[in-house]
PDB file of N, CA and C in Angstrom:
ATOM      1  N   UNK A   1       6.510 143.323  -1.582  1.00  0.00           N
ATOM      2  CA  UNK A   1       5.864 142.030  -1.700  1.00  0.00           C
ATOM      3  C   UNK A   1       6.343 141.257  -2.920  1.00  0.00           C
ATOM      4  N   UNK A   2       7.129 141.857  -3.781  1.00  0.00           N
ATOM      5  CA  UNK A   2       7.548 141.155  -4.986  1.00  0.00           C
ATOM      6  C   UNK A   2       8.573 140.066  -4.692  1.00  0.00           C
ATOM      7  N   UNK A   3       9.286 140.159  -3.580  1.00  0.00           N
ATOM      8  CA  UNK A   3      10.273 139.136  -3.262  1.00  0.00           C
ATOM      9  C   UNK A   3       9.681 137.991  -2.440  1.00  0.00           C
ATOM     10  N   UNK A   4       8.380 138.006  -2.231  1.00  0.00           N
ATOM     11  CA  UNK A   4       7.684 136.953  -1.490  1.00  0.00           C
ATOM     12  C   UNK A   4       7.364 135.826  -2.461  1.00  0.00           C
ATOM     13  N   UNK A   5       8.126 134.757  -2.432  1.00  0.00           N
ATOM     14  CA  UNK A   5       8.029 133.714  -3.447  1.00  0.00           C
ATOM     15  C   UNK A   5       7.234 132.518  -2.936  1.00  0.00           C
ATOM     16  N   UNK A   6       6.870 131.630  -3.852  1.00  0.00           N
ATOM     17  CA  UNK A   6       6.056 130.465  -3.532  1.00  0.00           C
ATOM     18  C   UNK A   6       6.684 129.528  -2.510  1.00  0.00           C
ATOM     19  N   UNK A   7       7.981 129.253  -2.552  1.00  0.00           N
ATOM     20  CA  UNK A   7       8.517 128.353  -1.515  1.00  0.00           C
ATOM     21  C   UNK A   7       8.281 128.877  -0.097  1.00  0.00           C
ATOM     22  N   UNK A   8       8.328 130.176   0.079  1.00  0.00           N
ATOM     23  CA  UNK A   8       8.061 130.745   1.397  1.00  0.00           C
ATOM     24  C   UNK A   8       6.610 130.501   1.795  1.00  0.00           C
ATOM     25  N   UNK A   9       5.701 130.674   0.858  1.00  0.00           N
ATOM     26  CA  UNK A   9       4.283 130.446   1.136  1.00  0.00           C
ATOM     27  C   UNK A   9       4.040 128.975   1.464  1.00  0.00           C
ATOM     28  N   UNK A  10       4.670 128.083   0.720  1.00  0.00           N
ATOM     29  CA  UNK A  10       4.481 126.657   0.968  1.00  0.00           C
ATOM     30  C   UNK A  10       5.039 126.244   2.328  1.00  0.00           C
ATOM     31  N   UNK A  11       6.161 126.815   2.715  1.00  0.00           N
ATOM     32  CA  UNK A  11       6.733 126.510   4.031  1.00  0.00           C
ATOM     33  C   UNK A  11       5.815 127.020   5.135  1.00  0.00           C
ATOM     34  N   UNK A  12       5.295 128.230   4.982  1.00  0.00           N
ATOM     35  CA  UNK A  12       4.358 128.766   5.971  1.00  0.00           C
ATOM     36  C   UNK A  12       3.090 127.917   6.043  1.00  0.00           C
ATOM     37  N   UNK A  13       2.617 127.463   4.908  1.00  0.00           N
ATOM     38  CA  UNK A  13       1.440 126.609   4.873  1.00  0.00           C
ATOM     39  C   UNK A  13       1.706 125.294   5.604  1.00  0.00           C
ATOM     40  N   UNK A  14       2.849 124.688   5.367  1.00  0.00           N
ATOM     41  CA  UNK A  14       3.194 123.438   6.042  1.00  0.00           C
ATOM     42  C   UNK A  14       3.302 123.639   7.553  1.00  0.00           C
ATOM     43  N   UNK A  15       3.879 124.750   7.968  1.00  0.00           N
ATOM     44  CA  UNK A  15       3.997 125.040   9.401  1.00  0.00           C
ATOM     45  C   UNK A  15       2.612 125.213  10.022  1.00  0.00           C
ATOM     46  N   UNK A  16       1.724 125.911   9.335  1.00  0.00           N
ATOM     47  CA  UNK A  16       0.368 126.094   9.856  1.00  0.00           C
ATOM     48  C   UNK A  16      -0.384 124.772   9.958  1.00  0.00           C
ATOM     49  N   UNK A  17      -0.241 123.915   8.962  1.00  0.00           N
ATOM     50  CA  UNK A  17      -0.901 122.609   8.999  1.00  0.00           C
ATOM     51  C   UNK A  17      -0.365 121.783  10.165  1.00  0.00           C
ATOM     52  N   UNK A  18       0.931 121.776  10.352  1.00  0.00           N
ATOM     53  CA  UNK A  18       1.513 121.044  11.478  1.00  0.00           C
ATOM     54  C   UNK A  18       1.061 121.619  12.816  1.00  0.00           C
ATOM     55  N   UNK A  19       0.994 122.928  12.920  1.00  0.00           N
ATOM     56  CA  UNK A  19       0.552 123.563  14.156  1.00  0.00           C
ATOM     57  C   UNK A  19      -0.889 123.198  14.483  1.00  0.00           C
ATOM     58  N   UNK A  20      -1.758 123.242  13.496  1.00  0.00           N
ATOM     59  CA  UNK A  20      -3.157 122.866  13.718  1.00  0.00           C
ATOM     60  C   UNK A  20      -3.253 121.391  14.100  1.00  0.00           C
ATOM     61  N   UNK A  21      -2.486 120.535  13.447  1.00  0.00           N
ATOM     62  CA  UNK A  21      -2.483 119.115  13.791  1.00  0.00           C
ATOM     63  C   UNK A  21      -2.035 118.867  15.220  1.00  0.00           C
ATOM     64  N   UNK A  22      -0.993 119.558  15.644  1.00  0.00           N
ATOM     65  CA  UNK A  22      -0.506 119.408  17.018  1.00  0.00           C
ATOM     66  C   UNK A  22      -1.556 119.898  18.009  1.00  0.00           C
ATOM     67  N   UNK A  23      -2.209 121.014  17.706  1.00  0.00           N
ATOM     68  CA  UNK A  23      -3.240 121.529  18.605  1.00  0.00           C
ATOM     69  C   UNK A  23      -4.431 120.578  18.713  1.00  0.00           C
ATOM     70  N   UNK A  24      -4.835 119.978  17.603  1.00  0.00           N
ATOM     71  CA  UNK A  24      -5.948 119.029  17.629  1.00  0.00           C
ATOM     72  C   UNK A  24      -5.571 117.794  18.441  1.00  0.00           C
ATOM     73  N   UNK A  25      -4.379 117.266  18.207  1.00  0.00           N
ATOM     74  CA  UNK A  25      -3.942 116.099  18.973  1.00  0.00           C
ATOM     75  C   UNK A  25      -3.807 116.415  20.461  1.00  0.00           C
ATOM     76  N   UNK A  26      -3.324 117.607  20.786  1.00  0.00           N
ATOM     77  CA  UNK A  26      -3.196 118.008  22.183  1.00  0.00           C
ATOM     78  C   UNK A  26      -4.567 118.097  22.850  1.00  0.00           C
ATOM     79  N   UNK A  27      -5.552 118.672  22.137  1.00  0.00           N
ATOM     80  CA  UNK A  27      -6.901 118.782  22.697  1.00  0.00           C
ATOM     81  C   UNK A  27      -7.527 117.404  22.881  1.00  0.00           C
ATOM     82  N   UNK A  28      -7.348 116.516  21.907  1.00  0.00           N
ATOM     83  CA  UNK A  28      -7.878 115.158  22.047  1.00  0.00           C
ATOM     84  C   UNK A  28      -7.246 114.439  23.235  1.00  0.00           C
ATOM     85  N   UNK A  29      -5.948 114.599  23.391  1.00  0.00           N
ATOM     86  CA  UNK A  29      -5.252 113.968  24.512  1.00  0.00           C
ATOM     87  C   UNK A  29      -5.734 114.545  25.844  1.00  0.00           C
ATOM     88  N   UNK A  30      -5.916 115.857  25.888  1.00  0.00           N
ATOM     89  CA  UNK A  30      -6.377 116.506  27.114  1.00  0.00           C
ATOM     90  C   UNK A  30      -7.793 116.055  27.472  1.00  0.00           C
ATOM     91  N   UNK A  31      -8.675 115.972  26.474  1.00  0.00           N
ATOM     92  CA  UNK A  31     -10.045 115.524  26.733  1.00  0.00           C
ATOM     93  C   UNK A  31     -10.081 114.062  27.171  1.00  0.00           C
ATOM     94  N   UNK A  32      -9.258 113.248  26.546  1.00  0.00           N
ATOM     95  CA  UNK A  32      -9.218 111.829  26.912  1.00  0.00           C
ATOM     96  C   UNK A  32      -8.682 111.651  28.327  1.00  0.00           C
ATOM     97  N   UNK A  33      -7.681 112.442  28.677  1.00  0.00           N
ATOM     98  CA  UNK A  33      -7.084 112.358  30.000  1.00  0.00           C
ATOM     99  C   UNK A  33      -8.056 112.824  31.086  1.00  0.00           C
ATOM    100  N   UNK A  34      -8.884 113.823  30.760  1.00  0.00           N
ATOM    101  CA  UNK A  34      -9.828 114.337  31.752  1.00  0.00           C
ATOM    102  C   UNK A  34     -11.104 113.506  31.828  1.00  0.00           C
ATOM    103  N   UNK A  35     -11.283 112.552  30.932  1.00  0.00           N
ATOM    104  CA  UNK A  35     -12.418 111.650  31.007  1.00  0.00           C
ATOM    105  C   UNK A  35     -13.586 112.012  30.117  1.00  0.00           C
ATOM    106  N   UNK A  36     -13.458 113.043  29.305  1.00  0.00           N
ATOM    107  CA  UNK A  36     -14.538 113.401  28.391  1.00  0.00           C
ATOM    108  C   UNK A  36     -14.555 112.441  27.209  1.00  0.00           C
ATOM    109  N   UNK A  37     -15.734 112.006  26.798  1.00  0.00           N
ATOM    110  CA  UNK A  37     -15.784 111.160  25.601  1.00  0.00           C
ATOM    111  C   UNK A  37     -15.545 112.008  24.347  1.00  0.00           C
ATOM    112  N   UNK A  38     -14.782 111.476  23.417  1.00  0.00           N
ATOM    113  CA  UNK A  38     -14.503 112.240  22.197  1.00  0.00           C
ATOM    114  C   UNK A  38     -15.672 112.177  21.224  1.00  0.00           C
ATOM    115  N   UNK A  39     -16.373 111.065  21.198  1.00  0.00           N
ATOM    116  CA  UNK A  39     -17.512 110.920  20.287  1.00  0.00           C
ATOM    117  C   UNK A  39     -18.687 110.316  21.043  1.00  0.00           C
ATOM    118  N   UNK A  40     -19.629 111.157  21.403  1.00  0.00           N
ATOM    119  CA  UNK A  40     -20.857 110.620  21.966  1.00  0.00           C
ATOM    120  C   UNK A  40     -21.920 110.595  20.872  1.00  0.00           C
ATOM    121  N   UNK A  41     -23.095 110.081  21.188  1.00  0.00           N
ATOM    122  CA  UNK A  41     -24.134 109.911  20.171  1.00  0.00           C
ATOM    123  C   UNK A  41     -24.594 111.247  19.599  1.00  0.00           C
ATOM    124  N   UNK A  42     -24.720 112.248  20.449  1.00  0.00           N
ATOM    125  CA  UNK A  42     -25.198 113.548  19.982  1.00  0.00           C
ATOM    126  C   UNK A  42     -24.177 114.207  19.050  1.00  0.00           C
ATOM    127  N   UNK A  43     -22.904 114.127  19.401  1.00  0.00           N
ATOM    128  CA  UNK A  43     -21.862 114.719  18.564  1.00  0.00           C
ATOM    129  C   UNK A  43     -21.810 114.043  17.200  1.00  0.00           C
ATOM    130  N   UNK A  44     -21.933 112.733  17.189  1.00  0.00           N
ATOM    131  CA  UNK A  44     -21.921 112.005  15.917  1.00  0.00           C
ATOM    132  C   UNK A  44     -23.118 112.405  15.064  1.00  0.00           C
ATOM    133  N   UNK A  45     -24.286 112.543  15.693  1.00  0.00           N
ATOM    134  CA  UNK A  45     -25.484 112.932  14.948  1.00  0.00           C
ATOM    135  C   UNK A  45     -25.353 114.358  14.409  1.00  0.00           C
ATOM    136  N   UNK A  46     -24.778 115.255  15.204  1.00  0.00           N
ATOM    137  CA  UNK A  46     -24.558 116.632  14.752  1.00  0.00           C
ATOM    138  C   UNK A  46     -23.624 116.648  13.554  1.00  0.00           C
ATOM    139  N   UNK A  47     -22.534 115.893  13.635  1.00  0.00           N
ATOM    140  CA  UNK A  47     -21.583 115.847  12.519  1.00  0.00           C
ATOM    141  C   UNK A  47     -22.218 115.267  11.264  1.00  0.00           C
ATOM    142  N   UNK A  48     -23.040 114.228  11.431  1.00  0.00           N
ATOM    143  CA  UNK A  48     -23.701 113.618  10.278  1.00  0.00           C
ATOM    144  C   UNK A  48     -24.660 114.595   9.608  1.00  0.00           C
ATOM    145  N   UNK A  49     -25.485 115.267  10.412  1.00  0.00           N
ATOM    146  CA  UNK A  49     -26.448 116.209   9.833  1.00  0.00           C
ATOM    147  C   UNK A  49     -25.739 117.394   9.186  1.00  0.00           C
ATOM    148  N   UNK A  50     -24.685 117.890   9.822  1.00  0.00           N
ATOM    149  CA  UNK A  50     -23.938 119.016   9.253  1.00  0.00           C
ATOM    150  C   UNK A  50     -23.249 118.602   7.958  1.00  0.00           C
ATOM    151  N   UNK A  51     -22.702 117.401   7.919  1.00  0.00           N
ATOM    152  CA  UNK A  51     -22.033 116.933   6.701  1.00  0.00           C
ATOM    153  C   UNK A  51     -23.031 116.751   5.564  1.00  0.00           C
ATOM    154  N   UNK A  52     -24.199 116.228   5.868  1.00  0.00           N
ATOM    155  CA  UNK A  52     -25.199 116.039   4.817  1.00  0.00           C
ATOM    156  C   UNK A  52     -25.707 117.382   4.297  1.00  0.00           C
ATOM    157  N   UNK A  53     -25.958 118.313   5.198  1.00  0.00           N
ATOM    158  CA  UNK A  53     -26.372 119.648   4.771  1.00  0.00           C
ATOM    159  C   UNK A  53     -25.297 120.347   3.966  1.00  0.00           C
ATOM    160  N   UNK A  54     -24.052 120.188   4.383  1.00  0.00           N
ATOM    161  CA  UNK A  54     -22.932 120.783   3.660  1.00  0.00           C
ATOM    162  C   UNK A  54     -22.813 120.196   2.263  1.00  0.00           C
ATOM    163  N   UNK A  55     -23.022 118.899   2.157  1.00  0.00           N
ATOM    164  CA  UNK A  55     -22.969 118.250   0.846  1.00  0.00           C
ATOM    165  C   UNK A  55     -23.995 118.863  -0.101  1.00  0.00           C
ATOM    166  N   UNK A  56     -25.232 118.994   0.355  1.00  0.00           N
ATOM    167  CA  UNK A  56     -26.284 119.514  -0.516  1.00  0.00           C
ATOM    168  C   UNK A  56     -26.073 120.988  -0.839  1.00  0.00           C
ATOM    169  N   UNK A  57     -25.656 121.773   0.142  1.00  0.00           N
ATOM    170  CA  UNK A  57     -25.393 123.195  -0.112  1.00  0.00           C
ATOM    171  C   UNK A  57     -24.264 123.344  -1.129  1.00  0.00           C
ATOM    172  N   UNK A  58     -23.202 122.573  -0.957  1.00  0.00           N
ATOM    173  CA  UNK A  58     -22.068 122.657  -1.881  1.00  0.00           C
ATOM    174  C   UNK A  58     -22.441 122.162  -3.269  1.00  0.00           C
ATOM    175  N   UNK A  59     -23.246 121.111  -3.336  1.00  0.00           N
ATOM    176  CA  UNK A  59     -23.679 120.597  -4.635  1.00  0.00           C
ATOM    177  C   UNK A  59     -24.509 121.633  -5.387  1.00  0.00           C
ATOM    178  N   UNK A  60     -25.446 122.255  -4.698  1.00  0.00           N
ATOM    179  CA  UNK A  60     -26.273 123.288  -5.330  1.00  0.00           C
ATOM    180  C   UNK A  60     -25.405 124.473  -5.746  1.00  0.00           C
ATOM    181  N   UNK A  61     -24.438 124.843  -4.910  1.00  0.00           N
ATOM    182  CA  UNK A  61     -23.555 125.952  -5.256  1.00  0.00           C
ATOM    183  C   UNK A  61     -22.719 125.625  -6.492  1.00  0.00           C
ATOM    184  N   UNK A  62     -22.182 124.407  -6.561  1.00  0.00           N
ATOM    185  CA  UNK A  62     -21.361 124.039  -7.716  1.00  0.00           C
ATOM    186  C   UNK A  62     -22.186 123.977  -8.999  1.00  0.00           C
ATOM    187  N   UNK A  63     -23.412 123.473  -8.906  1.00  0.00           N
ATOM    188  CA  UNK A  63     -24.271 123.428 -10.093  1.00  0.00           C
ATOM    189  C   UNK A  63     -24.641 124.841 -10.532  1.00  0.00           C
ATOM    190  N   UNK A  64     -24.960 125.708  -9.574  1.00  0.00           N
ATOM    191  CA  UNK A  64     -25.290 127.088  -9.943  1.00  0.00           C
ATOM    192  C   UNK A  64     -24.071 127.810 -10.514  1.00  0.00           C
ATOM    193  N   UNK A  65     -22.897 127.522  -9.987  1.00  0.00           N
ATOM    194  CA  UNK A  65     -21.671 128.106 -10.527  1.00  0.00           C
ATOM    195  C   UNK A  65     -21.423 127.616 -11.952  1.00  0.00           C
ATOM    196  N   UNK A  66     -21.648 126.339 -12.178  1.00  0.00           N
ATOM    197  CA  UNK A  66     -21.497 125.772 -13.519  1.00  0.00           C
ATOM    198  C   UNK A  66     -22.461 126.429 -14.502  1.00  0.00           C
ATOM    199  N   UNK A  67     -23.714 126.547 -14.102  1.00  0.00           N
ATOM    200  CA  UNK A  67     -24.702 127.174 -14.984  1.00  0.00           C
ATOM    201  C   UNK A  67     -24.385 128.649 -15.214  1.00  0.00           C
ATOM    202  N   UNK A  68     -23.910 129.325 -14.182  1.00  0.00           N
ATOM    203  CA  UNK A  68     -23.528 130.724 -14.335  1.00  0.00           C
ATOM    204  C   UNK A  68     -22.373 130.868 -15.326  1.00  0.00           C
ATOM    205  N   UNK A  69     -21.409 129.969 -15.234  1.00  0.00           N
ATOM    206  CA  UNK A  69     -20.268 130.032 -16.152  1.00  0.00           C
ATOM    207  C   UNK A  69     -20.720 129.752 -17.586  1.00  0.00           C
ATOM    208  N   UNK A  70     -21.531 128.718 -17.759  1.00  0.00           N
ATOM    209  CA  UNK A  70     -21.973 128.353 -19.114  1.00  0.00           C
ATOM    210  C   UNK A  70     -22.856 129.443 -19.715  1.00  0.00           C
ATOM    211  N   UNK A  71     -23.922 129.806 -19.007  1.00  0.00           N
ATOM    212  CA  UNK A  71     -24.857 130.781 -19.563  1.00  0.00           C
ATOM    213  C   UNK A  71     -24.288 132.192 -19.559  1.00  0.00           C
ATOM    214  N   UNK A  72     -23.452 132.500 -18.599  1.00  0.00           N
ATOM    215  CA  UNK A  72     -22.843 133.820 -18.565  1.00  0.00           C
ATOM    216  C   UNK A  72     -21.914 134.053 -19.734  1.00  0.00           C
ATOM    217  N   UNK A  73     -21.188 133.029 -20.117  1.00  0.00           N
ATOM    218  CA  UNK A  73     -20.256 133.168 -21.241  1.00  0.00           C
ATOM    219  C   UNK A  73     -20.987 133.106 -22.578  1.00  0.00           C
ATOM    220  N   UNK A  74     -21.919 132.184 -22.706  1.00  0.00           N
ATOM    221  CA  UNK A  74     -22.574 131.968 -23.996  1.00  0.00           C
ATOM    222  C   UNK A  74     -23.639 133.017 -24.314  1.00  0.00           C
ATOM    223  N   UNK A  75     -24.456 133.372 -23.333  1.00  0.00           N
ATOM    224  CA  UNK A  75     -25.610 134.218 -23.616  1.00  0.00           C
ATOM    225  C   UNK A  75     -25.473 135.654 -23.115  1.00  0.00           C
ATOM    226  N   UNK A  76     -24.740 135.852 -22.043  1.00  0.00           N
ATOM    227  CA  UNK A  76     -24.651 137.191 -21.464  1.00  0.00           C
ATOM    228  C   UNK A  76     -23.323 137.878 -21.743  1.00  0.00           C
ATOM    229  N   UNK A  77     -22.425 137.201 -22.406  1.00  0.00           N
ATOM    230  CA  UNK A  77     -21.110 137.727 -22.775  1.00  0.00           C
ATOM    231  C   UNK A  77     -20.319 138.215 -21.559  1.00  0.00           C
ATOM    232  N   UNK A  78     -20.441 137.485 -20.458  1.00  0.00           N
ATOM    233  CA  UNK A  78     -19.653 137.803 -19.273  1.00  0.00           C
ATOM    234  C   UNK A  78     -18.255 137.215 -19.430  1.00  0.00           C
ATOM    235  N   UNK A  79     -17.272 137.795 -18.776  1.00  0.00           N
ATOM    236  CA  UNK A  79     -15.931 137.218 -18.878  1.00  0.00           C
ATOM    237  C   UNK A  79     -15.877 135.849 -18.195  1.00  0.00           C
ATOM    238  N   UNK A  80     -14.944 135.042 -18.656  1.00  0.00           N
ATOM    239  CA  UNK A  80     -14.802 133.693 -18.118  1.00  0.00           C
ATOM    240  C   UNK A  80     -14.266 133.737 -16.695  1.00  0.00           C
ATOM    241  N   UNK A  81     -14.780 132.861 -15.854  1.00  0.00           N
ATOM    242  CA  UNK A  81     -14.335 132.775 -14.470  1.00  0.00           C
ATOM    243  C   UNK A  81     -13.103 131.886 -14.406  1.00  0.00           C
ATOM    244  N   UNK A  82     -12.074 132.368 -13.741  1.00  0.00           N
ATOM    245  CA  UNK A  82     -10.845 131.598 -13.598  1.00  0.00           C
ATOM    246  C   UNK A  82     -11.099 130.384 -12.710  1.00  0.00           C
ATOM    247  N   UNK A  83     -10.505 129.257 -13.049  1.00  0.00           N
ATOM    248  CA  UNK A  83     -10.737 128.017 -12.305  1.00  0.00           C
ATOM    249  C   UNK A  83     -10.261 128.124 -10.860  1.00  0.00           C
ATOM    250  N   UNK A  84      -9.178 128.843 -10.638  1.00  0.00           N
ATOM    251  CA  UNK A  84      -8.670 128.993  -9.276  1.00  0.00           C
ATOM    252  C   UNK A  84      -9.660 129.686  -8.365  1.00  0.00           C
ATOM    253  N   UNK A  85     -10.302 130.741  -8.874  1.00  0.00           N
ATOM    254  CA  UNK A  85     -11.290 131.460  -8.069  1.00  0.00           C
ATOM    255  C   UNK A  85     -12.527 130.608  -7.828  1.00  0.00           C
ATOM    256  N   UNK A  86     -12.895 129.807  -8.810  1.00  0.00           N
ATOM    257  CA  UNK A  86     -14.047 128.920  -8.631  1.00  0.00           C
ATOM    258  C   UNK A  86     -13.764 127.881  -7.551  1.00  0.00           C
ATOM    259  N   UNK A  87     -12.562 127.324  -7.559  1.00  0.00           N
ATOM    260  CA  UNK A  87     -12.197 126.333  -6.542  1.00  0.00           C
ATOM    261  C   UNK A  87     -12.158 126.972  -5.159  1.00  0.00           C
ATOM    262  N   UNK A  88     -11.616 128.169  -5.073  1.00  0.00           N
ATOM    263  CA  UNK A  88     -11.579 128.870  -3.789  1.00  0.00           C
ATOM    264  C   UNK A  88     -12.995 129.140  -3.290  1.00  0.00           C
ATOM    265  N   UNK A  89     -13.882 129.554  -4.185  1.00  0.00           N
ATOM    266  CA  UNK A  89     -15.266 129.828  -3.795  1.00  0.00           C
ATOM    267  C   UNK A  89     -15.953 128.562  -3.288  1.00  0.00           C
ATOM    268  N   UNK A  90     -15.746 127.449  -3.968  1.00  0.00           N
ATOM    269  CA  UNK A  90     -16.353 126.183  -3.543  1.00  0.00           C
ATOM    270  C   UNK A  90     -15.807 125.764  -2.180  1.00  0.00           C
ATOM    271  N   UNK A  91     -14.509 125.900  -1.981  1.00  0.00           N
ATOM    272  CA  UNK A  91     -13.920 125.531  -0.691  1.00  0.00           C
ATOM    273  C   UNK A  91     -14.443 126.417   0.432  1.00  0.00           C
ATOM    274  N   UNK A  92     -14.607 127.708   0.169  1.00  0.00           N
ATOM    275  CA  UNK A  92     -15.139 128.606   1.191  1.00  0.00           C
ATOM    276  C   UNK A  92     -16.587 128.278   1.526  1.00  0.00           C
ATOM    277  N   UNK A  93     -17.394 128.013   0.512  1.00  0.00           N
ATOM    278  CA  UNK A  93     -18.791 127.640   0.763  1.00  0.00           C
ATOM    279  C   UNK A  93     -18.848 126.342   1.555  1.00  0.00           C
ATOM    280  N   UNK A  94     -18.023 125.379   1.183  1.00  0.00           N
ATOM    281  CA  UNK A  94     -17.989 124.097   1.886  1.00  0.00           C
ATOM    282  C   UNK A  94     -17.598 124.291   3.354  1.00  0.00           C
ATOM    283  N   UNK A  95     -16.542 125.026   3.591  1.00  0.00           N
ATOM    284  CA  UNK A  95     -16.063 125.218   4.958  1.00  0.00           C
ATOM    285  C   UNK A  95     -17.021 126.012   5.819  1.00  0.00           C
ATOM    286  N   UNK A  96     -17.515 127.137   5.284  1.00  0.00           N
ATOM    287  CA  UNK A  96     -18.417 127.972   6.075  1.00  0.00           C
ATOM    288  C   UNK A  96     -19.754 127.286   6.326  1.00  0.00           C
ATOM    289  N   UNK A  97     -20.265 126.576   5.334  1.00  0.00           N
ATOM    290  CA  UNK A  97     -21.547 125.903   5.547  1.00  0.00           C
ATOM    291  C   UNK A  97     -21.407 124.788   6.580  1.00  0.00           C
ATOM    292  N   UNK A  98     -20.300 124.066   6.561  1.00  0.00           N
ATOM    293  CA  UNK A  98     -20.096 123.025   7.565  1.00  0.00           C
ATOM    294  C   UNK A  98     -19.961 123.634   8.960  1.00  0.00           C
ATOM    295  N   UNK A  99     -19.215 124.714   9.070  1.00  0.00           N
ATOM    296  CA  UNK A  99     -19.047 125.354  10.370  1.00  0.00           C
ATOM    297  C   UNK A  99     -20.373 125.908  10.885  1.00  0.00           C
ATOM    298  N   UNK A 100     -21.121 126.569  10.017  1.00  0.00           N
ATOM    299  CA  UNK A 100     -22.392 127.149  10.451  1.00  0.00           C
ATOM    300  C   UNK A 100     -23.429 126.081  10.787  1.00  0.00           C
ATOM    301  N   UNK A 101     -23.495 125.027   9.982  1.00  0.00           N
ATOM    302  CA  UNK A 101     -24.449 123.964  10.291  1.00  0.00           C
ATOM    303  C   UNK A 101     -24.063 123.211  11.559  1.00  0.00           C
ATOM    304  N   UNK A 102     -22.783 122.983  11.774  1.00  0.00           N
ATOM    305  CA  UNK A 102     -22.352 122.335  13.019  1.00  0.00           C
ATOM    306  C   UNK A 102     -22.707 123.203  14.218  1.00  0.00           C
ATOM    307  N   UNK A 103     -22.471 124.491  14.098  1.00  0.00           N
ATOM    308  CA  UNK A 103     -22.819 125.406  15.175  1.00  0.00           C
ATOM    309  C   UNK A 103     -24.330 125.421  15.412  1.00  0.00           C
ATOM    310  N   UNK A 104     -25.106 125.475  14.328  1.00  0.00           N
ATOM    311  CA  UNK A 104     -26.564 125.519  14.446  1.00  0.00           C
ATOM    312  C   UNK A 104     -27.100 124.256  15.115  1.00  0.00           C
ATOM    313  N   UNK A 105     -26.639 123.096  14.658  1.00  0.00           N
ATOM    314  CA  UNK A 105     -27.146 121.849  15.222  1.00  0.00           C
ATOM    315  C   UNK A 105     -26.658 121.626  16.653  1.00  0.00           C
ATOM    316  N   UNK A 106     -25.495 122.150  16.997  1.00  0.00           N
ATOM    317  CA  UNK A 106     -25.039 121.995  18.382  1.00  0.00           C
ATOM    318  C   UNK A 106     -25.826 122.902  19.320  1.00  0.00           C
ATOM    319  N   UNK A 107     -26.329 124.029  18.823  1.00  0.00           N
ATOM    320  CA  UNK A 107     -27.148 124.930  19.638  1.00  0.00           C
ATOM    321  C   UNK A 107     -28.601 124.480  19.711  1.00  0.00           C
ATOM    322  N   UNK A 108     -29.018 123.719  18.712  1.00  0.00           N
ATOM    323  CA  UNK A 108     -30.395 123.253  18.663  1.00  0.00           C
ATOM    324  C   UNK A 108     -30.599 122.216  19.761  1.00  0.00           C
ATOM    325  N   UNK A 109     -31.692 122.310  20.457  1.00  0.00           N
ATOM    326  CA  UNK A 109     -31.910 121.428  21.597  1.00  0.00           C
ATOM    327  C   UNK A 109     -32.158 119.984  21.220  1.00  0.00           C
ATOM    328  N   UNK A 110     -33.157 119.739  20.402  1.00  0.00           N
ATOM    329  CA  UNK A 110     -33.534 118.368  20.066  1.00  0.00           C
ATOM    330  C   UNK A 110     -33.238 118.110  18.599  1.00  0.00           C
ATOM    331  N   UNK A 111     -32.498 117.048  18.338  1.00  0.00           N
ATOM    332  CA  UNK A 111     -32.183 116.699  16.954  1.00  0.00           C
ATOM    333  C   UNK A 111     -33.173 115.665  16.501  1.00  0.00           C
TER     334      UNK A 111
END
């Protein structure tokens, strides 16, 4: 694994982003061709509620992470948290909370 360099990772990342983009565009085209609406009222409401819930969950997580870093370093003598890991944690919380809330609201009968 020592010869696995950053340019290779960046190229793989770009390929994955392009692949996901092509798949999303293909699905949108297929749905449009078959007559399904891409955005109906219920879908828009689900996305809005999931986005708002994700915002608040992520905000609370970031504030708690900030307080943990400040108080952990100053009062509890914990080691400092690397910024990269903090950003990864925030992105994971943001993504998973949005996915779970979207799934929950889509399964819920009445919004």
